[in-house]
């Protein structure tokens, strides 16, 4: 019986040190907890243990050692470690994934970062996948493959960062007046819905400006809450999305959103990735809907791009910014095909 919950990262680290490493002694290898799973992003709780959870290690070995290592693990792994079964899920397979580095990265991302990271690679890889590879923990890197790969993916190159940030500002620009426009015609539900979408986009923008890959929806709020300076913005966004549905509530939504717009604009100005801009709100055309006019920030970022290849890209952003299908975003092959088509790469 388990006496208390052990966070997955701690559990897997101990599992590697006490069990896996002795079983592969003498075999050159690299080991980490990366990839899928809430424990990789340190968002796991006791609730996480109800399925596909337990001591896990991603183990990289050379091709000629694969059979030897798998046999050693199959024969030597205990059934239970620290109160958790080492078999995960209904398949009966244990939690040590044995692979070659290039194969694992290509299956997870659609490319091997050890061979270089190009424009298509960056823009076709969902933020969740980038977070999964650069988070977690490296336990041992005897093959010198994990640290170089993670370093290559730590963050976008400067001009691609500007391009992605511009894409996020542009998403805000398209809808920032809509909470008021919906509310003005009596569509309070529509106003609330657009407000929630804007809140999501603002949270992603804030994370991107802080050089954090936004995780998928289940963990977005948790990740946002951990970012420096986001406490007040979090309170204002919570007030915006929870404003009581009723006549005139759209004004409250705009008021709370406006505070976060200005905070985001101030952060843009402090980060210095493009020209600083006025962070004041203004009416949308002649309509009484206070907006930041977020498109100004997208344009400033585009003007700051010096790489002509990046500047020539269609202004639609990365895969997360023009596609929301989970079935697409979890399939690297389709992500690459969609990005290649949309960006004409």
Protein backbone atom coordinates (compact mmCIF):
# COMPACT_ATOMS: atom_id res chain seq x y z
CA UNK A 1 0.00 0.00 0.00
CA UNK A 2 1.20 3.52 -0.81
CA UNK A 3 1.79 5.62 2.30
CA UNK A 4 1.70 8.95 0.46
CA UNK A 5 1.82 10.39 -3.04
CA UNK A 6 5.27 10.69 -4.61
CA UNK A 7 5.51 13.19 -7.49
CA UNK A 8 6.28 11.35 -10.70
CA UNK A 9 9.54 13.15 -11.37
CA UNK A 10 10.92 12.20 -7.98
CA UNK A 11 9.60 8.65 -8.33
CA UNK A 12 11.16 8.17 -11.76
CA UNK A 13 14.50 9.66 -10.73
CA UNK A 14 14.72 7.25 -7.80
CA UNK A 15 13.56 4.36 -9.99
CA UNK A 16 16.34 5.06 -12.46
CA UNK A 17 19.04 5.39 -9.81
CA UNK A 18 18.05 2.38 -7.74
CA UNK A 19 16.70 -0.04 -10.34
CA UNK A 20 17.31 0.85 -13.98
CA UNK A 21 20.92 2.04 -13.82
CA UNK A 22 22.19 -1.13 -12.11
CA UNK A 23 20.42 -3.27 -14.73
CA UNK A 24 22.20 -1.47 -17.60
CA UNK A 25 25.58 -1.09 -15.91
CA UNK A 26 28.34 -1.13 -18.49
CA UNK A 27 25.99 -0.15 -21.34
CA UNK A 28 26.49 3.40 -22.71
CA UNK A 29 23.12 5.10 -22.39
CA UNK A 30 21.18 8.29 -21.74
CA UNK A 31 18.15 8.42 -19.46
CA UNK A 32 15.48 10.99 -18.65
CA UNK A 33 11.86 11.60 -17.85
CA UNK A 34 10.63 13.51 -20.89
CA UNK A 35 7.70 13.20 -23.29
CA UNK A 36 4.03 12.71 -22.44
CA UNK A 37 2.66 12.82 -18.92
CA UNK A 38 1.65 15.46 -16.41
CA UNK A 39 4.63 14.49 -14.24
CA UNK A 40 7.03 15.72 -16.96
CA UNK A 41 5.63 19.25 -16.52
CA UNK A 42 5.38 18.78 -12.73
CA UNK A 43 1.59 19.12 -12.78
CA UNK A 44 0.81 15.62 -11.50
CA UNK A 45 -1.16 14.99 -8.33
CA UNK A 46 -2.50 11.87 -6.64
CA UNK A 47 -5.38 12.00 -9.14
CA UNK A 48 -2.86 11.36 -11.92
CA UNK A 49 -2.11 7.89 -10.60
CA UNK A 50 -5.40 6.36 -11.75
CA UNK A 51 -4.12 5.46 -15.24
CA UNK A 52 -0.87 5.18 -17.24
CA UNK A 53 1.13 6.47 -14.30
CA UNK A 54 4.05 5.04 -12.37
CA UNK A 55 7.84 4.88 -12.38
CA UNK A 56 8.95 5.77 -15.91
CA UNK A 57 12.22 6.31 -17.73
CA UNK A 58 13.03 7.09 -21.35
CA UNK A 59 16.24 5.15 -22.02
CA UNK A 60 18.36 5.80 -25.09
CA UNK A 61 20.88 3.19 -26.22
CA UNK A 62 22.61 2.38 -29.49
CA UNK A 63 20.83 0.07 -31.92
CA UNK A 64 23.15 -2.89 -31.33
CA UNK A 65 22.51 -2.76 -27.56
CA UNK A 66 18.73 -2.53 -27.77
CA UNK A 67 17.98 -6.25 -27.52
CA UNK A 68 20.40 -6.75 -24.64
CA UNK A 69 18.93 -3.85 -22.65
CA UNK A 70 15.32 -4.85 -23.22
CA UNK A 71 16.07 -8.38 -22.09
CA UNK A 72 17.82 -7.14 -18.94
CA UNK A 73 14.86 -4.93 -18.08
CA UNK A 74 12.25 -7.59 -18.78
CA UNK A 75 14.10 -10.00 -16.50
CA UNK A 76 15.20 -7.61 -13.78
CA UNK A 77 12.51 -5.01 -13.15
CA UNK A 78 10.47 -5.55 -9.98
CA UNK A 79 6.68 -5.73 -10.17
CA UNK A 80 6.31 -2.93 -7.64
CA UNK A 81 8.50 0.05 -6.78
CA UNK A 82 7.74 2.46 -3.90
CA UNK A 83 4.22 1.08 -3.81
CA UNK A 84 3.53 1.65 -7.52
CA UNK A 85 3.31 -1.10 -10.11
CA UNK A 86 5.99 -0.93 -12.77
CA UNK A 87 3.54 -2.21 -15.40
CA UNK A 88 1.61 0.74 -16.82
CA UNK A 89 -1.91 0.57 -18.22
CA UNK A 90 -3.66 -2.51 -19.54
CA UNK A 91 -0.94 -3.50 -22.01
CA UNK A 92 1.24 -5.03 -19.31
CA UNK A 93 4.34 -3.19 -20.55
CA UNK A 94 6.72 -1.63 -18.06
CA UNK A 95 7.54 2.06 -17.80
CA UNK A 96 11.03 1.98 -19.26
CA UNK A 97 10.92 2.99 -22.92
CA UNK A 98 14.02 1.83 -24.80
CA UNK A 99 14.85 3.58 -28.06
CA UNK A 100 17.50 5.26 -30.16
CA UNK A 101 17.57 9.03 -29.67
CA UNK A 102 16.97 9.97 -33.30
CA UNK A 103 14.05 7.54 -33.55
CA UNK A 104 12.40 8.79 -30.37
CA UNK A 105 12.74 12.48 -31.25
CA UNK A 106 11.47 11.94 -34.79
CA UNK A 107 8.43 10.02 -33.58
CA UNK A 108 7.68 12.64 -30.94
CA UNK A 109 8.45 15.82 -32.89
CA UNK A 110 8.54 14.87 -36.55
CA UNK A 111 12.28 15.61 -36.82
CA UNK A 112 15.58 14.96 -35.05
CA UNK A 113 16.89 18.14 -33.34
CA UNK A 114 20.37 16.63 -33.21
CA UNK A 115 20.48 17.07 -36.99
CA UNK A 116 19.47 20.75 -36.77
CA UNK A 117 16.19 22.64 -36.38
CA UNK A 118 14.77 24.49 -39.38
CA UNK A 119 11.86 26.87 -39.89
CA UNK A 120 9.42 24.06 -40.69
CA UNK A 121 10.53 22.15 -37.60
CA UNK A 122 9.96 25.10 -35.28
CA UNK A 123 6.61 26.21 -36.68
CA UNK A 124 5.08 22.75 -37.13
CA UNK A 125 5.82 21.53 -33.60
CA UNK A 126 3.04 22.21 -31.05
CA UNK A 127 3.99 24.05 -27.89
CA UNK A 128 2.93 21.05 -25.82
CA UNK A 129 5.46 18.81 -27.58
CA UNK A 130 8.23 21.40 -27.22
CA UNK A 131 7.41 21.69 -23.52
CA UNK A 132 7.48 17.91 -23.09
CA UNK A 133 10.97 17.62 -24.58
CA UNK A 134 12.52 20.62 -22.79
CA UNK A 135 10.90 19.96 -19.38
CA UNK A 136 11.24 16.92 -17.15
CA UNK A 137 14.73 15.92 -16.08
CA UNK A 138 17.82 14.28 -17.52
CA UNK A 139 19.11 11.58 -15.18
CA UNK A 140 22.18 10.61 -17.19
CA UNK A 141 23.49 11.55 -20.64
CA UNK A 142 26.24 9.12 -21.39
CA UNK A 143 25.52 9.26 -25.13
CA UNK A 144 25.56 13.09 -25.16
CA UNK A 145 22.21 13.27 -26.97
CA UNK A 146 19.73 14.63 -24.43
CA UNK A 147 21.42 17.84 -23.38
CA UNK A 148 22.27 18.96 -26.94
CA UNK A 149 18.76 18.17 -28.19
CA UNK A 150 17.09 19.99 -25.31
CA UNK A 151 19.42 22.96 -25.70
CA UNK A 152 18.57 23.17 -29.41
CA UNK A 153 14.85 23.33 -28.57
CA UNK A 154 15.02 25.51 -25.47
CA UNK A 155 13.51 28.50 -27.27
CA UNK A 156 12.85 29.97 -30.71
CA UNK A 157 15.63 31.80 -32.58
CA UNK A 158 15.10 35.60 -32.24
CA UNK A 159 13.31 36.27 -35.55
CA UNK A 160 11.08 33.20 -35.25
CA UNK A 161 10.26 34.29 -31.71
CA UNK A 162 9.13 37.66 -33.10
CA UNK A 163 7.12 35.89 -35.78
CA UNK A 164 5.33 33.67 -33.24
CA UNK A 165 4.69 36.57 -30.86
CA UNK A 166 3.27 38.59 -33.74
CA UNK A 167 0.95 35.71 -34.55
CA UNK A 168 -0.35 35.73 -30.98
CA UNK A 169 -0.91 39.49 -30.95
CA UNK A 170 -2.75 39.12 -34.25
CA UNK A 171 -5.12 36.54 -32.73
CA UNK A 172 -6.04 39.12 -30.08
CA UNK A 173 -6.48 41.86 -32.67
CA UNK A 174 -9.09 39.86 -34.56
CA UNK A 175 -11.47 39.57 -31.59
CA UNK A 176 -10.65 42.22 -29.00
CA UNK A 177 -13.76 44.30 -29.80
CA UNK A 178 -16.16 41.36 -29.96
CA UNK A 179 -17.18 41.05 -26.26
CA UNK A 180 -18.75 44.50 -26.58
CA UNK A 181 -20.20 43.97 -30.03
CA UNK A 182 -21.87 40.73 -28.94
CA UNK A 183 -23.17 42.28 -25.74
CA UNK A 184 -24.49 45.37 -27.52
CA UNK A 185 -26.88 43.23 -29.57
CA UNK A 186 -27.97 41.22 -26.53
CA UNK A 187 -25.79 38.17 -27.15
CA UNK A 188 -24.44 37.78 -23.63
CA UNK A 189 -23.51 34.16 -24.14
CA UNK A 190 -21.50 35.08 -27.23
CA UNK A 191 -19.83 37.90 -25.33
CA UNK A 192 -18.82 35.53 -22.54
CA UNK A 193 -17.53 32.98 -25.04
CA UNK A 194 -15.34 35.48 -26.88
CA UNK A 195 -14.04 36.78 -23.56
CA UNK A 196 -12.93 33.27 -22.61
CA UNK A 197 -11.17 32.89 -25.97
CA UNK A 198 -9.40 36.21 -25.48
CA UNK A 199 -8.37 35.19 -21.97
CA UNK A 200 -6.83 32.02 -23.34
CA UNK A 201 -4.93 33.93 -26.02
CA UNK A 202 -3.67 36.47 -23.48
CA UNK A 203 -2.42 33.68 -21.23
CA UNK A 204 -0.57 32.08 -24.14
CA UNK A 205 0.88 35.45 -25.14
CA UNK A 206 2.10 36.11 -21.61
CA UNK A 207 3.81 32.70 -21.43
CA UNK A 208 5.42 33.22 -24.84
CA UNK A 209 6.73 36.64 -23.85
CA UNK A 210 8.22 34.99 -20.76
CA UNK A 211 9.77 32.35 -23.02
CA UNK A 212 7.63 29.49 -21.78
CA UNK A 213 5.92 27.06 -24.14
CA UNK A 214 2.17 27.15 -23.31
CA UNK A 215 0.89 23.66 -22.46
CA UNK A 216 -2.42 22.32 -23.68
CA UNK A 217 -5.73 23.39 -22.14
CA UNK A 218 -5.74 21.19 -19.04
CA UNK A 219 -2.54 22.76 -17.72
CA UNK A 220 -2.62 26.23 -19.27
CA UNK A 221 -4.04 27.95 -16.19
CA UNK A 222 -1.61 26.12 -13.92
CA UNK A 223 1.36 27.13 -16.09
CA UNK A 224 0.16 30.74 -16.26
CA UNK A 225 -0.13 30.88 -12.48
CA UNK A 226 3.54 29.96 -12.13
CA UNK A 227 4.88 32.73 -14.36
CA UNK A 228 6.49 35.77 -12.83
CA UNK A 229 4.23 38.82 -12.67
CA UNK A 230 1.06 37.01 -13.69
CA UNK A 231 -0.82 37.17 -10.36
CA UNK A 232 -2.78 40.36 -11.04
CA UNK A 233 -3.40 39.39 -14.65
CA UNK A 234 -4.75 36.05 -13.47
CA UNK A 235 -7.20 37.76 -11.11
CA UNK A 236 -8.39 40.14 -13.83
CA UNK A 237 -8.86 37.33 -16.36
CA UNK A 238 -10.78 35.28 -13.80
CA UNK A 239 -13.05 38.27 -13.19
CA UNK A 240 -13.54 38.79 -16.92
CA UNK A 241 -14.59 35.21 -17.66
CA UNK A 242 -16.77 34.95 -14.54
CA UNK A 243 -18.67 38.20 -15.05
CA UNK A 244 -22.36 37.48 -14.52
CA UNK A 245 -24.25 37.06 -17.76
CA UNK A 246 -26.71 39.92 -18.07
CA UNK A 247 -27.44 43.21 -19.77
CA UNK A 248 -24.36 45.40 -19.79
CA UNK A 249 -22.01 42.75 -18.39
CA UNK A 250 -19.86 43.16 -21.48
CA UNK A 251 -18.61 46.44 -20.04
CA UNK A 252 -17.21 44.59 -17.04
CA UNK A 253 -15.56 42.08 -19.34
CA UNK A 254 -13.90 44.84 -21.34
CA UNK A 255 -12.76 46.57 -18.17
CA UNK A 256 -11.02 43.49 -16.79
CA UNK A 257 -9.57 42.52 -20.16
CA UNK A 258 -8.29 46.08 -20.58
CA UNK A 259 -6.16 45.81 -17.46
CA UNK A 260 -4.50 42.67 -18.83
CA UNK A 261 -4.04 44.19 -22.31
CA UNK A 262 -2.14 47.06 -20.77
CA UNK A 263 -0.05 44.71 -18.61
CA UNK A 264 0.80 42.63 -21.70
CA UNK A 265 1.69 45.78 -23.64
CA UNK A 266 3.96 46.94 -20.82
CA UNK A 267 5.68 43.55 -20.78
CA UNK A 268 6.17 43.77 -24.57
CA UNK A 269 7.81 47.17 -24.09
CA UNK A 270 10.09 45.92 -21.31
CA UNK A 271 11.23 42.83 -23.20
CA UNK A 272 12.62 44.93 -26.05
CA UNK A 273 12.01 42.47 -28.90
CA UNK A 274 10.49 45.26 -30.99
CA UNK A 275 9.80 48.98 -30.76
CA UNK A 276 7.99 50.14 -27.63
CA UNK A 277 4.40 51.30 -28.22
CA UNK A 278 1.75 53.30 -26.39
CA UNK A 279 -0.06 50.93 -24.00
CA UNK A 280 -3.22 53.02 -23.71
CA UNK A 281 -6.67 51.75 -24.62
CA UNK A 282 -8.79 53.35 -27.31
CA UNK A 283 -12.25 52.90 -28.85
CA UNK A 284 -12.57 50.42 -31.69
CA UNK A 285 -13.10 52.73 -34.67
CA UNK A 286 -15.94 54.93 -33.34
CA UNK A 287 -17.52 52.17 -31.30
CA UNK A 288 -17.49 52.35 -27.48
CA UNK A 289 -15.48 49.15 -27.04
CA UNK A 290 -12.11 49.84 -25.33
CA UNK A 291 -9.34 47.91 -27.04
CA UNK A 292 -5.56 47.97 -27.18
CA UNK A 293 -5.46 47.76 -30.98
CA UNK A 294 -3.26 44.67 -30.67
CA UNK A 295 -2.44 44.64 -34.36
CA UNK A 296 0.03 47.49 -33.71
CA UNK A 297 2.18 45.14 -31.64
CA UNK A 298 2.09 42.44 -34.33
CA UNK A 299 3.25 44.98 -36.91
CA UNK A 300 6.04 46.25 -34.66
CA UNK A 301 7.33 42.71 -34.23
CA UNK A 302 7.18 42.03 -37.97
CA UNK A 303 9.14 45.22 -38.66
CA UNK A 304 11.84 44.03 -36.26
CA UNK A 305 12.40 40.76 -38.16
CA UNK A 306 15.68 40.89 -40.08
CA UNK A 307 15.70 37.39 -41.62
CA UNK A 308 14.12 37.82 -45.05
CA UNK A 309 12.93 34.19 -45.10
CA UNK A 310 10.97 34.68 -41.88
CA UNK A 311 9.67 38.09 -42.93
CA UNK A 312 8.31 36.55 -46.15
CA UNK A 313 6.25 33.90 -44.34
CA UNK A 314 2.45 34.26 -44.43
CA UNK A 315 1.33 36.01 -41.26
CA UNK A 316 -0.53 33.10 -39.69
CA UNK A 317 1.92 32.04 -36.99
CA UNK A 318 2.82 28.54 -35.81
CA UNK A 319 0.70 25.39 -35.83
CA UNK A 320 -0.93 26.21 -32.44
CA UNK A 321 -2.04 29.58 -33.78
CA UNK A 322 -3.83 28.41 -36.91
CA UNK A 323 -5.04 24.92 -35.88
CA UNK A 324 -6.78 23.70 -32.73
CA UNK A 325 -7.67 20.09 -33.56
CA UNK A 326 -6.26 17.73 -30.93
CA UNK A 327 -6.14 14.92 -33.47
CA UNK A 328 -3.93 17.12 -35.65
CA UNK A 329 -1.72 18.51 -32.90
CA UNK A 330 -0.87 15.02 -31.60
CA UNK A 331 0.24 13.76 -35.02
CA UNK A 332 3.66 15.17 -36.04
CA UNK A 333 3.32 13.98 -39.62
CA UNK A 334 0.04 15.83 -40.11
CA UNK A 335 1.35 18.90 -38.28
CA UNK A 336 4.25 19.11 -40.70
CA UNK A 337 2.02 18.59 -43.71
CA UNK A 338 -0.45 21.25 -42.55
CA UNK A 339 2.28 23.76 -41.73
CA UNK A 340 4.04 23.15 -45.03
CA UNK A 341 0.77 23.80 -46.89
CA UNK A 342 -0.34 26.84 -44.87
CA UNK A 343 3.07 28.55 -44.88
CA UNK A 344 3.95 27.42 -48.40
CA UNK A 345 7.21 25.89 -47.20
